N, C-alpha and C. Protein backbone atom coordinates (compact mmCIF):
# COMPACT_ATOMS: atom_id res chain seq x y z
N MET A 1 -20.18 -7.41 6.47
CA MET A 1 -18.73 -7.17 6.03
C MET A 1 -17.91 -7.89 7.01
N THR A 2 -17.05 -8.76 6.45
CA THR A 2 -16.10 -9.52 7.25
C THR A 2 -14.68 -9.04 7.02
N ALA A 3 -13.94 -9.05 8.09
CA ALA A 3 -12.52 -8.56 7.99
C ALA A 3 -11.69 -9.45 7.05
N GLY A 4 -11.88 -10.73 7.06
CA GLY A 4 -11.14 -11.60 6.12
C GLY A 4 -9.64 -11.65 6.46
N ALA A 5 -9.04 -12.62 5.89
CA ALA A 5 -7.62 -12.88 6.09
C ALA A 5 -6.81 -11.87 5.30
N ALA A 6 -5.50 -11.78 5.67
CA ALA A 6 -4.61 -10.95 4.91
C ALA A 6 -4.58 -11.35 3.48
N LEU A 7 -4.50 -10.41 2.63
CA LEU A 7 -4.45 -10.67 1.15
C LEU A 7 -3.03 -10.64 0.67
N SER A 8 -2.62 -11.60 -0.11
CA SER A 8 -1.33 -11.65 -0.71
C SER A 8 -1.55 -12.20 -2.12
N LEU A 9 -1.22 -11.39 -3.14
CA LEU A 9 -1.56 -11.72 -4.49
C LEU A 9 -0.31 -12.18 -5.21
N PRO A 10 -0.43 -12.86 -6.35
CA PRO A 10 0.67 -13.34 -7.08
C PRO A 10 1.62 -12.17 -7.50
N VAL A 11 2.85 -12.48 -7.48
CA VAL A 11 3.92 -11.45 -7.86
C VAL A 11 3.69 -11.04 -9.32
N ARG A 12 3.74 -9.82 -9.55
CA ARG A 12 3.58 -9.24 -10.90
C ARG A 12 4.91 -8.67 -11.35
N THR A 13 5.00 -8.34 -12.63
CA THR A 13 6.27 -7.77 -13.09
C THR A 13 5.96 -6.35 -13.74
N ALA A 14 6.79 -5.39 -13.39
CA ALA A 14 6.64 -4.00 -13.89
C ALA A 14 7.97 -3.72 -14.58
N GLN A 15 7.97 -3.71 -15.85
CA GLN A 15 9.13 -3.40 -16.72
C GLN A 15 10.38 -4.25 -16.26
N GLY A 16 10.16 -5.53 -16.00
CA GLY A 16 11.21 -6.40 -15.60
C GLY A 16 11.47 -6.54 -14.17
N TYR A 17 10.77 -5.68 -13.30
CA TYR A 17 10.99 -5.75 -11.86
C TYR A 17 9.78 -6.39 -11.19
N PRO A 18 10.02 -7.46 -10.40
CA PRO A 18 8.94 -8.15 -9.73
C PRO A 18 8.41 -7.25 -8.56
N TYR A 19 7.12 -7.18 -8.46
CA TYR A 19 6.49 -6.50 -7.24
C TYR A 19 5.34 -7.32 -6.80
N ALA A 20 5.05 -7.10 -5.50
CA ALA A 20 3.96 -7.89 -4.85
C ALA A 20 2.97 -6.88 -4.28
N ILE A 21 1.69 -7.32 -4.32
CA ILE A 21 0.62 -6.60 -3.64
C ILE A 21 0.09 -7.45 -2.57
N ARG A 22 0.07 -6.79 -1.34
CA ARG A 22 -0.41 -7.57 -0.19
C ARG A 22 -0.87 -6.65 0.91
N THR A 23 -1.50 -7.26 1.94
CA THR A 23 -1.90 -6.46 3.09
C THR A 23 -0.60 -6.16 3.87
N PRO A 24 -0.42 -4.93 4.34
CA PRO A 24 0.72 -4.53 5.06
C PRO A 24 0.71 -5.13 6.47
N ARG A 25 1.91 -5.31 6.97
CA ARG A 25 2.04 -5.70 8.44
C ARG A 25 1.84 -4.41 9.27
N PRO A 26 1.46 -4.51 10.51
CA PRO A 26 1.32 -3.27 11.39
C PRO A 26 2.58 -2.47 11.40
N ASP A 27 3.72 -3.03 11.38
CA ASP A 27 4.99 -2.23 11.46
C ASP A 27 5.25 -1.55 10.16
N GLU A 28 4.47 -1.76 9.10
CA GLU A 28 4.69 -1.11 7.82
C GLU A 28 3.76 0.08 7.65
N ALA A 29 2.88 0.36 8.66
CA ALA A 29 1.88 1.43 8.53
C ALA A 29 2.57 2.76 8.26
N GLY A 30 3.76 2.97 8.82
CA GLY A 30 4.47 4.25 8.62
C GLY A 30 5.00 4.48 7.18
N THR A 31 5.04 3.44 6.33
CA THR A 31 5.52 3.57 5.02
C THR A 31 4.45 4.03 4.07
N ILE A 32 3.19 4.08 4.56
CA ILE A 32 2.02 4.48 3.70
C ILE A 32 1.83 6.01 3.55
N PRO A 33 1.69 6.77 4.57
CA PRO A 33 1.43 8.21 4.35
C PRO A 33 2.51 8.92 3.48
N PRO A 34 3.76 8.61 3.57
CA PRO A 34 4.73 9.34 2.71
C PRO A 34 4.44 9.13 1.17
N LEU A 35 3.80 8.09 0.82
CA LEU A 35 3.49 7.82 -0.59
C LEU A 35 2.65 8.96 -1.14
N PHE A 36 1.77 9.59 -0.38
CA PHE A 36 0.91 10.63 -0.91
C PHE A 36 1.14 12.01 -0.24
N GLU A 37 2.26 12.24 0.41
CA GLU A 37 2.61 13.50 0.98
C GLU A 37 2.60 14.68 -0.03
N ASP A 38 3.18 14.42 -1.15
CA ASP A 38 3.22 15.50 -2.19
C ASP A 38 1.85 15.87 -2.67
N GLU A 39 0.97 14.87 -2.83
CA GLU A 39 -0.42 15.10 -3.26
C GLU A 39 -1.18 15.91 -2.21
N VAL A 40 -1.01 15.56 -0.95
CA VAL A 40 -1.61 16.28 0.18
C VAL A 40 -1.14 17.76 0.18
N ARG A 41 0.16 17.92 0.05
CA ARG A 41 0.73 19.30 0.07
C ARG A 41 0.19 20.13 -1.08
N ALA A 42 -0.08 19.48 -2.24
CA ALA A 42 -0.58 20.16 -3.41
C ALA A 42 -2.12 20.39 -3.32
N GLY A 43 -2.80 19.80 -2.37
CA GLY A 43 -4.19 19.93 -2.22
C GLY A 43 -5.02 18.99 -3.06
N ARG A 44 -4.38 17.97 -3.57
CA ARG A 44 -4.99 17.03 -4.46
C ARG A 44 -5.52 15.72 -3.73
N MET A 45 -5.09 15.62 -2.50
CA MET A 45 -5.47 14.46 -1.69
C MET A 45 -5.61 14.88 -0.23
N LEU A 46 -6.51 14.23 0.49
CA LEU A 46 -6.64 14.57 1.89
C LEU A 46 -5.65 13.76 2.69
N PRO A 47 -5.15 14.31 3.79
CA PRO A 47 -4.22 13.57 4.55
C PRO A 47 -4.85 12.34 5.28
N ARG A 48 -4.08 11.37 5.62
CA ARG A 48 -4.62 10.24 6.34
C ARG A 48 -3.79 10.22 7.69
N ASP A 49 -4.49 10.11 8.70
CA ASP A 49 -3.92 10.08 10.08
C ASP A 49 -3.15 8.81 10.24
N PRO A 50 -1.84 8.79 10.59
CA PRO A 50 -1.08 7.58 10.76
C PRO A 50 -1.68 6.60 11.79
N VAL A 51 -2.37 7.20 12.84
CA VAL A 51 -3.00 6.31 13.82
C VAL A 51 -4.17 5.52 13.18
N GLU A 52 -4.91 6.23 12.38
CA GLU A 52 -6.06 5.66 11.63
C GLU A 52 -5.57 4.61 10.68
N VAL A 53 -4.45 4.92 10.00
CA VAL A 53 -3.84 3.89 9.05
C VAL A 53 -3.52 2.58 9.83
N ARG A 54 -2.80 2.74 10.96
CA ARG A 54 -2.40 1.57 11.77
C ARG A 54 -3.64 0.85 12.33
N THR A 55 -4.66 1.59 12.78
CA THR A 55 -5.84 0.96 13.31
C THR A 55 -6.64 0.16 12.30
N HIS A 56 -6.60 0.57 11.03
CA HIS A 56 -7.28 -0.12 9.96
C HIS A 56 -6.38 -0.75 8.98
N ILE A 57 -5.17 -1.19 9.40
CA ILE A 57 -4.12 -1.72 8.52
C ILE A 57 -4.64 -2.87 7.66
N GLY A 58 -5.62 -3.62 8.13
CA GLY A 58 -6.15 -4.72 7.37
C GLY A 58 -7.05 -4.27 6.20
N ASP A 59 -7.38 -2.98 6.14
CA ASP A 59 -8.16 -2.50 5.00
C ASP A 59 -7.28 -1.80 3.92
N TRP A 60 -5.99 -1.90 4.17
CA TRP A 60 -5.02 -1.35 3.18
C TRP A 60 -4.32 -2.43 2.40
N LEU A 61 -3.84 -2.10 1.25
CA LEU A 61 -2.97 -2.91 0.45
C LEU A 61 -1.78 -2.14 0.10
N ILE A 62 -0.62 -2.81 0.01
CA ILE A 62 0.57 -2.06 -0.47
C ILE A 62 1.20 -2.87 -1.62
N ALA A 63 1.91 -2.14 -2.45
CA ALA A 63 2.73 -2.81 -3.51
C ALA A 63 4.16 -2.65 -3.06
N THR A 64 4.89 -3.73 -3.10
CA THR A 64 6.29 -3.63 -2.70
C THR A 64 7.20 -4.08 -3.86
N LEU A 65 8.29 -3.39 -4.00
CA LEU A 65 9.31 -3.70 -5.06
C LEU A 65 10.62 -3.68 -4.25
N ASP A 66 11.27 -4.85 -4.31
CA ASP A 66 12.45 -5.08 -3.57
C ASP A 66 12.35 -4.70 -2.10
N GLU A 67 11.26 -5.09 -1.46
CA GLU A 67 10.93 -4.87 -0.09
C GLU A 67 10.63 -3.40 0.27
N GLU A 68 10.61 -2.51 -0.73
CA GLU A 68 10.25 -1.14 -0.52
C GLU A 68 8.83 -0.90 -0.89
N THR A 69 8.08 -0.21 -0.04
CA THR A 69 6.66 0.07 -0.33
C THR A 69 6.65 1.20 -1.45
N VAL A 70 5.99 0.84 -2.59
CA VAL A 70 6.02 1.77 -3.68
C VAL A 70 4.57 2.18 -4.10
N GLY A 71 3.59 1.61 -3.40
CA GLY A 71 2.18 1.97 -3.77
C GLY A 71 1.20 1.52 -2.66
N CYS A 72 0.08 2.13 -2.59
CA CYS A 72 -0.92 1.81 -1.63
C CYS A 72 -2.32 2.11 -2.09
N VAL A 73 -3.29 1.55 -1.42
CA VAL A 73 -4.69 1.75 -1.64
C VAL A 73 -5.49 1.26 -0.42
N SER A 74 -6.63 1.85 -0.13
CA SER A 74 -7.35 1.34 1.00
C SER A 74 -8.86 1.27 0.70
N LEU A 75 -9.58 0.55 1.51
CA LEU A 75 -11.01 0.50 1.46
C LEU A 75 -11.62 1.05 2.72
N VAL A 76 -12.65 1.72 2.62
CA VAL A 76 -13.43 2.29 3.74
C VAL A 76 -14.83 1.69 3.58
N PHE A 77 -15.36 1.07 4.64
CA PHE A 77 -16.62 0.40 4.51
C PHE A 77 -17.77 1.26 5.10
N TYR A 78 -18.84 1.37 4.28
CA TYR A 78 -19.99 2.25 4.71
C TYR A 78 -21.16 1.35 5.08
N SER A 79 -21.22 0.14 4.55
CA SER A 79 -22.41 -0.71 4.84
C SER A 79 -21.99 -2.16 4.48
N ASP A 80 -22.94 -3.06 4.55
CA ASP A 80 -22.64 -4.44 4.26
C ASP A 80 -22.49 -4.67 2.77
N VAL A 81 -22.78 -3.67 1.92
CA VAL A 81 -22.67 -3.86 0.47
C VAL A 81 -21.82 -2.74 -0.22
N LEU A 82 -21.54 -1.66 0.43
CA LEU A 82 -20.88 -0.51 -0.12
C LEU A 82 -19.57 -0.19 0.53
N CYS A 83 -18.50 -0.08 -0.21
CA CYS A 83 -17.23 0.45 0.35
C CYS A 83 -16.60 1.45 -0.68
N GLU A 84 -15.62 2.14 -0.18
CA GLU A 84 -14.99 3.21 -1.03
C GLU A 84 -13.51 2.76 -1.21
N LEU A 85 -13.05 2.79 -2.43
CA LEU A 85 -11.62 2.66 -2.71
C LEU A 85 -11.04 4.09 -2.64
N ARG A 86 -9.99 4.28 -1.77
CA ARG A 86 -9.39 5.57 -1.67
C ARG A 86 -7.93 5.48 -1.30
N SER A 87 -7.29 6.67 -1.33
CA SER A 87 -5.87 6.77 -0.99
C SER A 87 -5.00 5.92 -1.87
N LEU A 88 -5.36 5.84 -3.21
CA LEU A 88 -4.50 5.21 -4.19
C LEU A 88 -3.32 6.10 -4.51
N ALA A 89 -2.16 5.54 -4.27
CA ALA A 89 -0.87 6.32 -4.53
C ALA A 89 0.16 5.42 -4.97
N VAL A 90 1.04 5.90 -5.81
CA VAL A 90 2.20 5.14 -6.35
C VAL A 90 3.41 6.09 -6.25
N ALA A 91 4.50 5.64 -5.71
CA ALA A 91 5.73 6.49 -5.60
C ALA A 91 6.13 6.97 -6.99
N PRO A 92 6.56 8.23 -7.10
CA PRO A 92 6.98 8.73 -8.39
C PRO A 92 7.93 7.82 -9.20
N THR A 93 8.86 7.15 -8.47
CA THR A 93 9.83 6.28 -9.11
C THR A 93 9.24 4.96 -9.64
N ALA A 94 7.99 4.69 -9.25
CA ALA A 94 7.32 3.44 -9.64
C ALA A 94 6.17 3.65 -10.57
N ARG A 95 5.90 4.84 -10.98
CA ARG A 95 4.79 5.25 -11.84
C ARG A 95 4.96 4.70 -13.29
N SER A 96 3.83 4.60 -14.03
CA SER A 96 3.87 4.24 -15.41
C SER A 96 4.32 2.80 -15.58
N LYS A 97 4.09 1.96 -14.55
CA LYS A 97 4.49 0.56 -14.71
C LYS A 97 3.29 -0.43 -14.50
N GLY A 98 2.09 0.26 -14.38
CA GLY A 98 0.86 -0.51 -14.19
C GLY A 98 0.54 -0.91 -12.72
N ILE A 99 1.34 -0.41 -11.85
CA ILE A 99 1.14 -0.72 -10.37
C ILE A 99 -0.17 -0.19 -9.90
N GLY A 100 -0.50 1.07 -10.28
CA GLY A 100 -1.76 1.66 -9.86
C GLY A 100 -2.98 0.85 -10.29
N GLY A 101 -2.96 0.48 -11.56
CA GLY A 101 -4.06 -0.39 -12.05
C GLY A 101 -4.22 -1.69 -11.28
N HIS A 102 -3.04 -2.28 -11.05
CA HIS A 102 -3.06 -3.61 -10.27
C HIS A 102 -3.60 -3.39 -8.80
N LEU A 103 -3.23 -2.26 -8.24
CA LEU A 103 -3.75 -1.91 -6.89
C LEU A 103 -5.24 -1.77 -6.89
N ILE A 104 -5.79 -1.14 -8.01
CA ILE A 104 -7.26 -1.00 -8.13
C ILE A 104 -7.88 -2.38 -8.24
N GLU A 105 -7.34 -3.30 -9.11
CA GLU A 105 -7.84 -4.62 -9.23
C GLU A 105 -7.75 -5.41 -7.88
N ALA A 106 -6.72 -5.25 -7.17
CA ALA A 106 -6.49 -5.90 -5.92
C ALA A 106 -7.57 -5.44 -4.84
N ALA A 107 -7.81 -4.13 -4.94
CA ALA A 107 -8.77 -3.53 -3.93
C ALA A 107 -10.19 -4.06 -4.23
N VAL A 108 -10.56 -4.15 -5.55
CA VAL A 108 -11.86 -4.72 -5.93
C VAL A 108 -11.90 -6.20 -5.45
N GLU A 109 -10.85 -6.94 -5.65
CA GLU A 109 -10.76 -8.29 -5.12
C GLU A 109 -10.98 -8.40 -3.67
N MET A 110 -10.33 -7.51 -2.90
CA MET A 110 -10.50 -7.49 -1.46
C MET A 110 -12.00 -7.18 -1.10
N ALA A 111 -12.59 -6.24 -1.79
CA ALA A 111 -14.01 -5.90 -1.59
C ALA A 111 -14.89 -7.14 -1.85
N TYR A 112 -14.61 -7.86 -2.97
CA TYR A 112 -15.36 -9.07 -3.30
C TYR A 112 -15.29 -10.13 -2.23
N ARG A 113 -14.01 -10.35 -1.74
CA ARG A 113 -13.82 -11.36 -0.70
C ARG A 113 -14.51 -10.98 0.56
N ARG A 114 -14.78 -9.74 0.81
CA ARG A 114 -15.43 -9.26 2.04
C ARG A 114 -16.93 -9.14 1.83
N GLY A 115 -17.41 -9.59 0.69
CA GLY A 115 -18.87 -9.58 0.49
C GLY A 115 -19.45 -8.35 -0.04
N MET A 116 -18.66 -7.33 -0.46
CA MET A 116 -19.23 -6.10 -0.94
C MET A 116 -19.80 -6.28 -2.31
N ARG A 117 -20.79 -5.45 -2.64
CA ARG A 117 -21.42 -5.47 -3.95
C ARG A 117 -21.11 -4.26 -4.80
N ARG A 118 -20.72 -3.10 -4.14
CA ARG A 118 -20.38 -1.92 -4.84
C ARG A 118 -19.20 -1.30 -4.26
N VAL A 119 -18.23 -0.78 -5.15
CA VAL A 119 -17.07 -0.09 -4.73
C VAL A 119 -17.07 1.27 -5.36
N LEU A 120 -17.17 2.24 -4.51
CA LEU A 120 -17.22 3.67 -4.89
C LEU A 120 -15.84 4.27 -4.90
N THR A 121 -15.55 5.19 -5.79
CA THR A 121 -14.32 6.03 -5.67
C THR A 121 -14.64 7.41 -6.15
N LEU A 122 -13.91 8.37 -5.57
CA LEU A 122 -13.94 9.75 -6.06
C LEU A 122 -12.57 10.05 -6.56
N THR A 123 -12.39 10.54 -7.74
CA THR A 123 -11.08 10.71 -8.33
C THR A 123 -11.07 11.73 -9.41
N ARG A 124 -9.88 12.21 -9.74
CA ARG A 124 -9.62 13.02 -10.92
C ARG A 124 -9.06 12.17 -12.05
N ARG A 125 -8.64 10.96 -11.74
CA ARG A 125 -8.10 9.99 -12.74
C ARG A 125 -9.17 9.11 -13.30
N VAL A 126 -10.21 9.74 -13.81
CA VAL A 126 -11.40 8.98 -14.26
C VAL A 126 -11.00 7.85 -15.24
N HIS A 127 -10.24 8.19 -16.22
CA HIS A 127 -9.97 7.14 -17.26
C HIS A 127 -9.25 5.94 -16.71
N LEU A 128 -8.37 6.17 -15.73
CA LEU A 128 -7.66 5.03 -15.06
C LEU A 128 -8.71 4.09 -14.48
N PHE A 129 -9.67 4.57 -13.75
CA PHE A 129 -10.67 3.71 -13.15
C PHE A 129 -11.66 3.13 -14.13
N GLU A 130 -12.02 3.86 -15.18
CA GLU A 130 -12.90 3.33 -16.21
C GLU A 130 -12.26 2.22 -16.93
N ARG A 131 -10.96 2.23 -17.13
CA ARG A 131 -10.21 1.10 -17.74
C ARG A 131 -10.30 -0.18 -16.92
N HIS A 132 -10.61 -0.06 -15.64
CA HIS A 132 -10.72 -1.19 -14.71
C HIS A 132 -12.17 -1.47 -14.35
N GLY A 133 -13.13 -1.08 -15.14
CA GLY A 133 -14.51 -1.38 -14.97
C GLY A 133 -15.37 -0.48 -14.17
N PHE A 134 -14.84 0.64 -13.67
CA PHE A 134 -15.65 1.57 -12.95
C PHE A 134 -16.53 2.41 -14.00
N ARG A 135 -17.71 2.83 -13.53
CA ARG A 135 -18.56 3.72 -14.37
C ARG A 135 -18.94 4.90 -13.60
N ARG A 136 -19.08 6.01 -14.40
CA ARG A 136 -19.43 7.31 -13.75
C ARG A 136 -20.74 7.22 -13.01
N ASP A 137 -20.83 7.98 -11.90
CA ASP A 137 -22.03 8.09 -11.10
C ASP A 137 -22.04 9.46 -10.49
N VAL A 138 -22.93 9.71 -9.64
CA VAL A 138 -23.10 10.99 -8.87
C VAL A 138 -22.92 10.69 -7.42
N VAL A 139 -22.02 11.45 -6.73
CA VAL A 139 -21.76 11.22 -5.32
C VAL A 139 -22.99 11.34 -4.43
N MET A 140 -23.94 12.16 -4.87
CA MET A 140 -25.10 12.38 -4.07
C MET A 140 -25.97 11.00 -3.97
N ASN A 141 -25.69 10.06 -4.89
CA ASN A 141 -26.35 8.73 -4.77
C ASN A 141 -25.84 7.94 -3.57
N TYR A 142 -24.82 8.41 -2.90
CA TYR A 142 -24.19 7.70 -1.79
C TYR A 142 -24.12 8.54 -0.51
N PRO A 143 -25.26 8.76 0.11
CA PRO A 143 -25.30 9.62 1.25
C PRO A 143 -24.42 9.21 2.38
N GLU A 144 -24.11 7.90 2.46
CA GLU A 144 -23.14 7.42 3.46
C GLU A 144 -21.80 8.14 3.34
N LYS A 145 -21.38 8.28 2.09
CA LYS A 145 -20.08 8.96 1.79
C LYS A 145 -20.23 10.46 2.04
N VAL A 146 -21.32 11.04 1.58
CA VAL A 146 -21.44 12.46 1.67
C VAL A 146 -21.42 12.95 3.11
N TRP A 147 -22.24 12.24 3.97
CA TRP A 147 -22.32 12.65 5.37
C TRP A 147 -21.06 12.37 6.18
N LYS A 148 -20.34 11.29 5.84
CA LYS A 148 -19.16 10.90 6.57
C LYS A 148 -17.95 11.72 6.18
N ASP A 149 -17.74 11.97 4.91
CA ASP A 149 -16.51 12.52 4.38
C ASP A 149 -16.70 13.82 3.66
N CYS A 150 -17.68 13.98 2.86
CA CYS A 150 -17.83 15.17 1.98
C CYS A 150 -18.30 16.40 2.82
N ALA A 151 -19.26 16.17 3.67
CA ALA A 151 -19.72 17.38 4.50
C ALA A 151 -18.63 18.07 5.23
N PRO A 152 -17.76 17.36 5.96
CA PRO A 152 -16.69 18.09 6.66
C PRO A 152 -15.40 18.44 5.81
N CYS A 153 -15.42 17.98 4.58
CA CYS A 153 -14.19 18.20 3.76
C CYS A 153 -13.90 19.67 3.40
N PRO A 154 -12.67 20.13 3.62
CA PRO A 154 -12.36 21.54 3.36
C PRO A 154 -12.44 21.88 1.89
N PHE A 155 -12.49 20.89 1.01
CA PHE A 155 -12.58 21.13 -0.47
C PHE A 155 -13.98 21.04 -1.02
N ARG A 156 -14.95 20.81 -0.17
CA ARG A 156 -16.34 20.48 -0.64
C ARG A 156 -16.94 21.54 -1.50
N GLU A 157 -16.61 22.78 -1.29
CA GLU A 157 -17.19 23.86 -2.16
C GLU A 157 -16.54 23.95 -3.51
N MET A 158 -15.37 23.35 -3.64
CA MET A 158 -14.63 23.39 -4.96
C MET A 158 -14.18 22.07 -5.41
N CYS A 159 -14.92 21.01 -5.05
CA CYS A 159 -14.61 19.63 -5.30
C CYS A 159 -14.64 19.39 -6.86
N ASP A 160 -13.52 18.85 -7.37
CA ASP A 160 -13.52 18.53 -8.74
C ASP A 160 -13.30 17.02 -9.05
N GLU A 161 -13.61 16.27 -7.97
CA GLU A 161 -13.45 14.79 -8.16
C GLU A 161 -14.76 14.29 -8.80
N VAL A 162 -14.66 13.16 -9.48
CA VAL A 162 -15.72 12.52 -10.16
C VAL A 162 -16.02 11.24 -9.38
N ALA A 163 -17.32 10.93 -9.17
CA ALA A 163 -17.72 9.69 -8.49
C ALA A 163 -17.80 8.64 -9.55
N LEU A 164 -17.19 7.48 -9.21
CA LEU A 164 -17.33 6.28 -10.08
C LEU A 164 -17.71 5.10 -9.24
N ILE A 165 -18.37 4.12 -9.81
CA ILE A 165 -18.84 2.98 -9.09
C ILE A 165 -18.47 1.70 -9.80
N TYR A 166 -18.08 0.66 -9.11
CA TYR A 166 -17.87 -0.62 -9.65
C TYR A 166 -18.90 -1.57 -9.00
N HIS A 167 -19.71 -2.19 -9.91
CA HIS A 167 -20.64 -3.16 -9.42
C HIS A 167 -20.10 -4.56 -9.40
N ILE A 168 -20.02 -5.18 -8.23
CA ILE A 168 -19.55 -6.61 -8.16
C ILE A 168 -20.73 -7.46 -8.36
N THR A 169 -20.96 -8.04 -9.54
CA THR A 169 -22.09 -8.83 -9.77
C THR A 169 -21.90 -10.30 -9.36
N PRO A 170 -22.91 -11.13 -9.31
CA PRO A 170 -22.74 -12.57 -9.07
C PRO A 170 -21.88 -13.24 -10.09
N LEU A 171 -21.68 -12.61 -11.28
CA LEU A 171 -20.82 -13.25 -12.28
C LEU A 171 -19.38 -12.76 -12.15
N PHE A 172 -19.09 -11.97 -11.10
CA PHE A 172 -17.72 -11.47 -10.90
C PHE A 172 -16.72 -12.64 -10.92
N ARG A 173 -15.73 -12.54 -11.67
CA ARG A 173 -14.64 -13.58 -11.80
C ARG A 173 -13.36 -12.94 -11.40
N SER A 174 -12.86 -13.39 -10.29
CA SER A 174 -11.61 -12.84 -9.74
C SER A 174 -10.48 -13.12 -10.72
N ARG A 175 -9.60 -12.22 -10.95
CA ARG A 175 -8.40 -12.41 -11.73
C ARG A 175 -7.34 -13.06 -10.88
N PHE A 176 -7.62 -13.23 -9.56
CA PHE A 176 -6.61 -13.74 -8.66
C PHE A 176 -6.92 -15.14 -8.11
N THR A 177 -8.08 -15.69 -8.47
CA THR A 177 -8.52 -16.99 -8.02
C THR A 177 -7.55 -18.10 -8.55
N THR A 178 -7.13 -18.95 -7.67
CA THR A 178 -6.27 -20.04 -8.09
C THR A 178 -7.22 -21.21 -8.39
N GLU A 179 -6.63 -22.26 -9.08
CA GLU A 179 -7.42 -23.44 -9.38
C GLU A 179 -7.80 -24.09 -8.10
N ASP A 180 -7.05 -24.05 -7.02
CA ASP A 180 -7.41 -24.70 -5.75
C ASP A 180 -8.71 -24.06 -5.15
N GLU A 181 -8.93 -22.76 -5.44
CA GLU A 181 -10.07 -22.04 -4.82
C GLU A 181 -11.37 -22.24 -5.63
N GLU A 182 -11.28 -22.72 -6.90
CA GLU A 182 -12.51 -22.91 -7.73
C GLU A 182 -13.32 -24.00 -7.27
């Protein structure tokens, strides 16, 4: 697993508004946790320690609209081939514009560029991830995840999240590759 350079993807348009997906700068780490505060309060997401966010800022992506952070996602690396896509969030004012789906695609791209072969996620938004190539699986197939995160999780006895996996095959074709990179 290599850290790789900061990722900055082509500007996209959401209902006429241009937004960018990129690796956040360290000074933007504080814009990330507020994106999922409501979900944490409702018990639908686990909190992320701001120090941990800052420490692993290169493993996060943000979506910005007019210089405002409106979405985020992160990767957590378990091995040289397996990582987890987590902490996907989009601000309520920016939802239903396709930003979440583009963050998923960008996170898979980042995993690909870092040499990963499998991207795991646990979610209640199963259909969103399936639309982006993820397939249902069983979390117990990933003991790295179970021992690191599931065992100490306060919701483990009543977990309603579904495990999904994305296999990055040798035929993976990036949606973000430019002609210069081919």
